[in-house]
Protein backbone atom coordinates (compact mmCIF):
# COMPACT_ATOMS: atom_id res chain seq x y z
CA UNK A 1 -93.16 -54.51 13.38
CA UNK A 2 -96.40 -53.26 11.91
CA UNK A 3 -95.48 -49.59 11.70
CA UNK A 4 -92.25 -49.48 9.77
CA UNK A 5 -90.74 -45.96 9.68
CA UNK A 6 -90.81 -44.54 6.17
CA UNK A 7 -88.75 -41.42 6.81
CA UNK A 8 -86.52 -39.94 9.48
CA UNK A 9 -88.92 -37.26 10.75
CA UNK A 10 -89.90 -39.07 13.94
CA UNK A 11 -86.61 -40.40 15.21
CA UNK A 12 -84.98 -37.14 14.06
CA UNK A 13 -86.69 -35.55 17.08
CA UNK A 14 -84.48 -37.57 19.40
CA UNK A 15 -81.45 -36.88 17.20
CA UNK A 16 -81.91 -33.17 17.84
CA UNK A 17 -82.06 -33.68 21.60
CA UNK A 18 -79.12 -36.06 21.84
CA UNK A 19 -77.14 -33.71 19.61
CA UNK A 20 -77.77 -30.90 22.08
CA UNK A 21 -76.74 -33.10 25.02
CA UNK A 22 -73.46 -33.99 23.35
CA UNK A 23 -72.78 -30.36 22.47
CA UNK A 24 -73.57 -29.09 25.97
CA UNK A 25 -71.04 -31.58 27.35
CA UNK A 26 -68.22 -30.58 25.01
CA UNK A 27 -68.42 -33.63 22.76
CA UNK A 28 -69.85 -32.11 19.59
CA UNK A 29 -68.83 -29.74 16.84
CA UNK A 30 -70.53 -26.34 16.59
CA UNK A 31 -71.62 -27.18 13.06
CA UNK A 32 -73.95 -29.90 14.38
CA UNK A 33 -75.90 -27.92 16.98
CA UNK A 34 -79.40 -26.74 16.04
CA UNK A 35 -81.81 -24.16 17.43
CA UNK A 36 -84.39 -26.93 17.84
CA UNK A 37 -81.90 -28.99 19.81
CA UNK A 38 -81.18 -26.10 22.18
CA UNK A 39 -84.91 -25.56 22.67
CA UNK A 40 -85.48 -29.24 23.43
CA UNK A 41 -82.58 -29.24 25.88
CA UNK A 42 -84.17 -26.37 27.81
CA UNK A 43 -87.63 -27.94 27.60
CA UNK A 44 -86.38 -31.25 29.01
CA UNK A 45 -84.27 -29.77 31.81
CA UNK A 46 -86.97 -29.80 34.55
CA UNK A 47 -87.88 -33.41 33.75
CA UNK A 48 -84.21 -34.42 33.68
CA UNK A 49 -83.58 -32.76 37.05
CA UNK A 50 -86.55 -34.51 38.64
CA UNK A 51 -85.52 -37.86 37.17
CA UNK A 52 -81.99 -37.52 38.53
CA UNK A 53 -83.33 -36.71 42.01
CA UNK A 54 -85.77 -39.62 42.10
CA UNK A 55 -83.88 -42.27 40.14
CA UNK A 56 -80.25 -41.27 40.68
CA UNK A 57 -79.79 -40.82 36.96
CA UNK A 58 -81.62 -39.45 33.96
CA UNK A 59 -81.75 -39.63 30.20
CA UNK A 60 -78.71 -37.38 29.87
CA UNK A 61 -76.76 -39.68 32.19
CA UNK A 62 -77.57 -42.70 30.00
CA UNK A 63 -76.81 -40.82 26.78
CA UNK A 64 -73.36 -39.79 27.99
CA UNK A 65 -72.56 -43.17 29.51
CA UNK A 66 -73.34 -45.12 26.36
CA UNK A 67 -71.74 -42.58 24.00
CA UNK A 68 -68.39 -42.43 25.77
CA UNK A 69 -68.21 -46.18 26.35
CA UNK A 70 -68.88 -46.86 22.67
CA UNK A 71 -66.17 -44.33 21.75
CA UNK A 72 -63.74 -46.08 24.08
CA UNK A 73 -64.44 -49.47 22.50
CA UNK A 74 -64.00 -48.06 18.99
CA UNK A 75 -60.69 -46.50 20.01
CA UNK A 76 -59.54 -49.88 21.31
CA UNK A 77 -60.44 -51.56 18.03
CA UNK A 78 -58.56 -48.93 16.01
CA UNK A 79 -55.51 -48.42 18.23
CA UNK A 80 -55.00 -52.00 19.47
CA UNK A 81 -56.39 -54.17 16.67
CA UNK A 82 -55.73 -52.02 13.63
CA UNK A 83 -59.32 -51.63 12.41
CA UNK A 84 -59.51 -48.72 9.95
CA UNK A 85 -63.18 -48.81 8.86
CA UNK A 86 -66.16 -47.61 10.90
CA UNK A 87 -69.84 -47.55 9.94
CA UNK A 88 -72.22 -45.61 12.18
CA UNK A 89 -75.84 -46.46 11.39
CA UNK A 90 -78.59 -44.02 12.45
CA UNK A 91 -75.88 -41.39 12.83
CA UNK A 92 -78.28 -38.47 13.31
CA UNK A 93 -76.28 -35.50 14.58
CA UNK A 94 -73.67 -37.69 16.24
CA UNK A 95 -70.27 -35.94 16.45
CA UNK A 96 -68.47 -39.30 16.61
CA UNK A 97 -67.25 -39.24 13.02
CA UNK A 98 -65.65 -35.81 13.37
CA UNK A 99 -63.94 -36.74 16.64
CA UNK A 100 -62.69 -40.09 15.40
CA UNK A 101 -61.27 -38.64 12.19
CA UNK A 102 -59.41 -36.00 14.19
CA UNK A 103 -57.97 -38.68 16.46
CA UNK A 104 -57.29 -41.25 13.73
CA UNK A 105 -56.69 -39.53 10.36
CA UNK A 106 -56.22 -42.92 8.68
CA UNK A 107 -59.78 -43.93 9.52
CA UNK A 108 -62.39 -44.49 6.82
CA UNK A 109 -65.53 -43.21 8.54
CA UNK A 110 -68.96 -43.78 7.00
CA UNK A 111 -72.09 -42.33 8.59
CA UNK A 112 -75.51 -43.55 7.51
CA UNK A 113 -79.15 -42.86 8.21
CA UNK A 114 -82.53 -42.77 6.53
CA UNK A 115 -82.39 -40.56 3.41
CA UNK A 116 -83.71 -37.29 4.89
CA UNK A 117 -81.39 -37.36 7.88
CA UNK A 118 -78.44 -38.58 5.80
CA UNK A 119 -78.87 -35.64 3.43
CA UNK A 120 -79.09 -33.24 6.37
CA UNK A 121 -75.96 -34.68 7.98
CA UNK A 122 -74.00 -34.66 4.71
CA UNK A 123 -74.88 -31.00 4.16
CA UNK A 124 -73.68 -30.06 7.65
CA UNK A 125 -70.42 -31.97 7.24
CA UNK A 126 -69.83 -30.46 3.81
CA UNK A 127 -70.50 -26.92 5.03
CA UNK A 128 -68.00 -27.33 7.87
CA UNK A 129 -65.33 -28.93 5.68
CA UNK A 130 -65.51 -32.39 7.23
CA UNK A 131 -66.95 -34.32 4.29
CA UNK A 132 -64.29 -36.16 2.26
CA UNK A 133 -63.59 -39.51 0.57
CA UNK A 134 -62.44 -40.71 4.01
CA UNK A 135 -65.52 -39.33 5.80
CA UNK A 136 -68.71 -40.13 3.93
CA UNK A 137 -72.44 -40.12 4.53
CA UNK A 138 -74.78 -42.54 2.79
CA UNK A 139 -78.49 -43.41 3.10
CA UNK A 140 -79.43 -46.75 4.64
CA UNK A 141 -82.64 -48.52 5.60
CA UNK A 142 -81.88 -51.40 7.94
CA UNK A 143 -85.30 -52.94 7.21
CA UNK A 144 -84.87 -52.90 3.41
CA UNK A 145 -84.58 -56.31 1.80
CA UNK A 146 -83.36 -55.19 -1.64
CA UNK A 147 -81.90 -52.15 -3.34
CA UNK A 148 -78.99 -49.81 -2.75
CA UNK A 149 -80.01 -48.88 0.80
CA UNK A 150 -79.86 -52.39 2.30
CA UNK A 151 -77.28 -53.16 4.96
CA UNK A 152 -75.50 -55.58 2.64
CA UNK A 153 -75.38 -53.17 -0.31
CA UNK A 154 -74.08 -50.26 1.77
CA UNK A 155 -71.24 -52.26 3.33
CA UNK A 156 -70.26 -53.76 -0.01
CA UNK A 157 -70.30 -50.34 -1.68
CA UNK A 158 -68.42 -48.21 0.86
CA UNK A 159 -65.75 -50.56 2.28
CA UNK A 160 -63.06 -52.81 0.87
CA UNK A 161 -64.02 -56.41 0.29
CA UNK A 162 -62.37 -58.18 3.21
CA UNK A 163 -61.10 -55.79 5.90
CA UNK A 164 -62.58 -55.76 9.42
CA UNK A 165 -65.09 -53.06 10.31
CA UNK A 166 -66.65 -51.56 13.40
CA UNK A 167 -70.41 -51.15 13.05
CA UNK A 168 -72.21 -48.88 15.53
CA UNK A 169 -75.91 -48.39 16.17
CA UNK A 170 -76.44 -46.00 19.07
CA UNK A 171 -79.96 -45.14 20.16
CA UNK A 172 -81.58 -47.22 17.42
CA UNK A 173 -82.31 -50.80 18.53
CA UNK A 174 -84.97 -50.03 21.12
CA UNK A 175 -87.19 -48.32 18.55
CA UNK A 176 -87.98 -51.74 17.10
CA UNK A 177 -89.62 -54.87 18.44
CA UNK A 178 -87.11 -57.59 19.30
CA UNK A 179 -88.09 -59.83 16.39
CA UNK A 180 -87.62 -56.96 13.93
CA UNK A 181 -84.24 -55.79 15.17
CA UNK A 182 -83.11 -59.41 15.57
CA UNK A 183 -83.46 -59.91 11.82
CA UNK A 184 -81.11 -56.97 11.29
CA UNK A 185 -78.69 -58.36 13.90
CA UNK A 186 -78.73 -61.79 12.24
CA UNK A 187 -77.89 -60.29 8.85
CA UNK A 188 -75.15 -58.16 10.38
CA UNK A 189 -73.63 -61.17 12.17
CA UNK A 190 -73.44 -63.01 8.84
CA UNK A 191 -71.64 -60.06 7.26
CA UNK A 192 -69.14 -59.67 10.11
CA UNK A 193 -68.41 -63.41 10.05
CA UNK A 194 -66.90 -62.86 6.59
CA UNK A 195 -64.71 -60.04 7.92
CA UNK A 196 -62.56 -61.48 10.74
CA UNK A 197 -61.76 -59.01 13.51
CA UNK A 198 -64.96 -57.01 13.03
CA UNK A 199 -67.08 -55.80 15.94
CA UNK A 200 -70.62 -54.53 16.45
CA UNK A 201 -71.42 -52.00 19.19
CA UNK A 202 -74.91 -51.06 20.33
CA UNK A 203 -76.76 -49.94 23.44
CA UNK A 204 -79.45 -51.76 25.41
CA UNK A 205 -81.50 -51.07 28.54
CA UNK A 206 -82.74 -52.89 31.61
CA UNK A 207 -85.89 -52.02 33.55
CA UNK A 208 -85.14 -51.22 37.22
CA UNK A 209 -86.63 -53.38 39.95
CA UNK A 210 -87.91 -50.42 42.02
CA UNK A 211 -91.64 -49.95 41.17
CA UNK A 212 -91.60 -46.12 41.17
CA UNK A 213 -88.53 -45.86 38.93
CA UNK A 214 -89.78 -48.70 36.73
CA UNK A 215 -93.07 -46.83 36.28
CA UNK A 216 -91.23 -43.64 35.38
CA UNK A 217 -89.14 -45.45 32.76
CA UNK A 218 -92.29 -46.92 31.25
CA UNK A 219 -93.86 -43.46 31.04
CA UNK A 220 -90.73 -42.14 29.31
CA UNK A 221 -90.74 -45.13 26.95
CA UNK A 222 -94.34 -44.41 25.92
CA UNK A 223 -93.57 -40.71 25.47
CA UNK A 224 -90.63 -41.46 23.17
CA UNK A 225 -92.73 -43.93 21.24
CA UNK A 226 -95.41 -41.32 20.66
CA UNK A 227 -92.90 -38.66 19.63
CA UNK A 228 -91.12 -40.94 17.18
CA UNK A 229 -94.15 -42.87 15.89
CA UNK A 230 -92.44 -46.12 16.81
CA UNK A 231 -92.51 -48.92 19.35
CA UNK A 232 -89.95 -48.24 22.07
CA UNK A 233 -89.12 -51.61 23.58
CA UNK A 234 -86.95 -52.90 26.43
CA UNK A 235 -85.62 -56.13 24.94
CA UNK A 236 -83.89 -57.98 27.77
CA UNK A 237 -84.39 -58.62 31.48
CA UNK A 238 -80.72 -59.33 32.22
CA UNK A 239 -77.21 -59.05 30.81
CA UNK A 240 -77.02 -62.83 30.47
CA UNK A 241 -80.20 -62.91 28.40
CA UNK A 242 -78.82 -60.23 26.07
CA UNK A 243 -75.56 -62.12 25.59
CA UNK A 244 -77.35 -65.41 24.90
CA UNK A 245 -79.66 -63.78 22.38
CA UNK A 246 -76.83 -62.16 20.41
CA UNK A 247 -74.85 -65.40 20.41
CA UNK A 248 -77.84 -67.31 19.04
CA UNK A 249 -78.03 -64.84 16.15
CA UNK A 250 -74.52 -65.75 15.02
CA UNK A 251 -72.08 -63.45 16.80
CA UNK A 252 -68.95 -65.33 17.81
CA UNK A 253 -68.25 -63.54 21.09
CA UNK A 254 -70.42 -61.16 23.12
CA UNK A 255 -69.58 -58.87 26.06
CA UNK A 256 -72.14 -56.76 27.92
CA UNK A 257 -70.56 -53.63 29.37
CA UNK A 258 -72.00 -52.02 32.51
CA UNK A 259 -71.08 -48.34 32.94
CA UNK A 260 -69.88 -49.18 36.47
CA UNK A 261 -66.90 -50.91 34.86
CA UNK A 262 -65.72 -47.56 33.56
CA UNK A 263 -66.20 -45.32 36.59
CA UNK A 264 -62.86 -43.61 37.22
CA UNK A 265 -61.57 -44.82 33.84
CA UNK A 266 -63.74 -42.72 31.53
CA UNK A 267 -65.23 -39.25 32.14
CA UNK A 268 -68.77 -40.59 32.35
CA UNK A 269 -71.44 -39.48 34.83
CA UNK A 270 -72.26 -41.94 37.61
CA UNK A 271 -75.70 -43.33 38.33
CA UNK A 272 -76.65 -43.33 42.02
CA UNK A 273 -78.27 -46.72 41.62
CA UNK A 274 -77.56 -49.52 39.17
CA UNK A 275 -77.09 -48.04 35.67
CA UNK A 276 -79.94 -48.90 33.34
CA UNK A 277 -77.98 -48.67 30.10
CA UNK A 278 -75.62 -51.31 28.74
CA UNK A 279 -73.26 -51.40 25.77
CA UNK A 280 -73.24 -54.64 23.82
CA UNK A 281 -69.96 -55.57 22.13
CA UNK A 282 -70.55 -58.43 19.69
CA UNK A 283 -67.62 -59.66 17.65
CA UNK A 284 -67.13 -61.69 14.54
CA UNK A 285 -64.49 -64.45 14.46
CA UNK A 286 -60.89 -63.49 15.17
CA UNK A 287 -59.70 -65.45 12.14
CA UNK A 288 -61.08 -67.49 9.28
CA UNK A 289 -60.78 -70.60 11.45
CA UNK A 290 -62.63 -69.12 14.42
């Protein structure tokens, strides 16, 4: 990617909006809501209403679908497979760490983001009494190739040497061209391969086949790209393509979750048409022999 982000100012814009969406739907802590987020929520409401009428779903629908599905998959890893370490990259104003620590006090939760946003998040957690040795915030740059903010250095520094981890990137991957984010995925797969039982969770999107809706999504994609000074990209044309790509990068087992699977099981909003968001669950080996 030619325009590598150098700070969190651009993508922070979307962090403010998603933070407001989570808070409005009862998922966030009061300490994480901002005046800017409330303003953006109001500003976007007419567009969101029109999108839901035309497309049968809107950005808020996708945000809630992916967020709650990712939470569900983390809960499964913790409750059923005994994972006790979670790293959320590009955490922004995500309330996930607070909720997970309330639900699983034994959890070692680490949130990470570019330095400016990480400092902002750490200050909010500290002010509300949530920051602790078991709930940390640390800067990370997923594109860095050396130094203390690389993916490898952060994981080595904040977690024990061999235990399985859950790594989450929500709302991050599509801000990078496929070849750029694939390098990060390849490095992450190599790390998780050394930690049997680990899992990576991220979101992905599909372009709809209907021309009008497809055009609207492309307009939204260009708008987000302009606001965040980045290249918003739809990476895959199908679930099968996404699974094949992640497998080629070194993940041992890949599932692509469609929100329809969770209708009636999780309190997620329904899309009138085929949901456009997916959650990718990519796992490392189950054992050293896998």
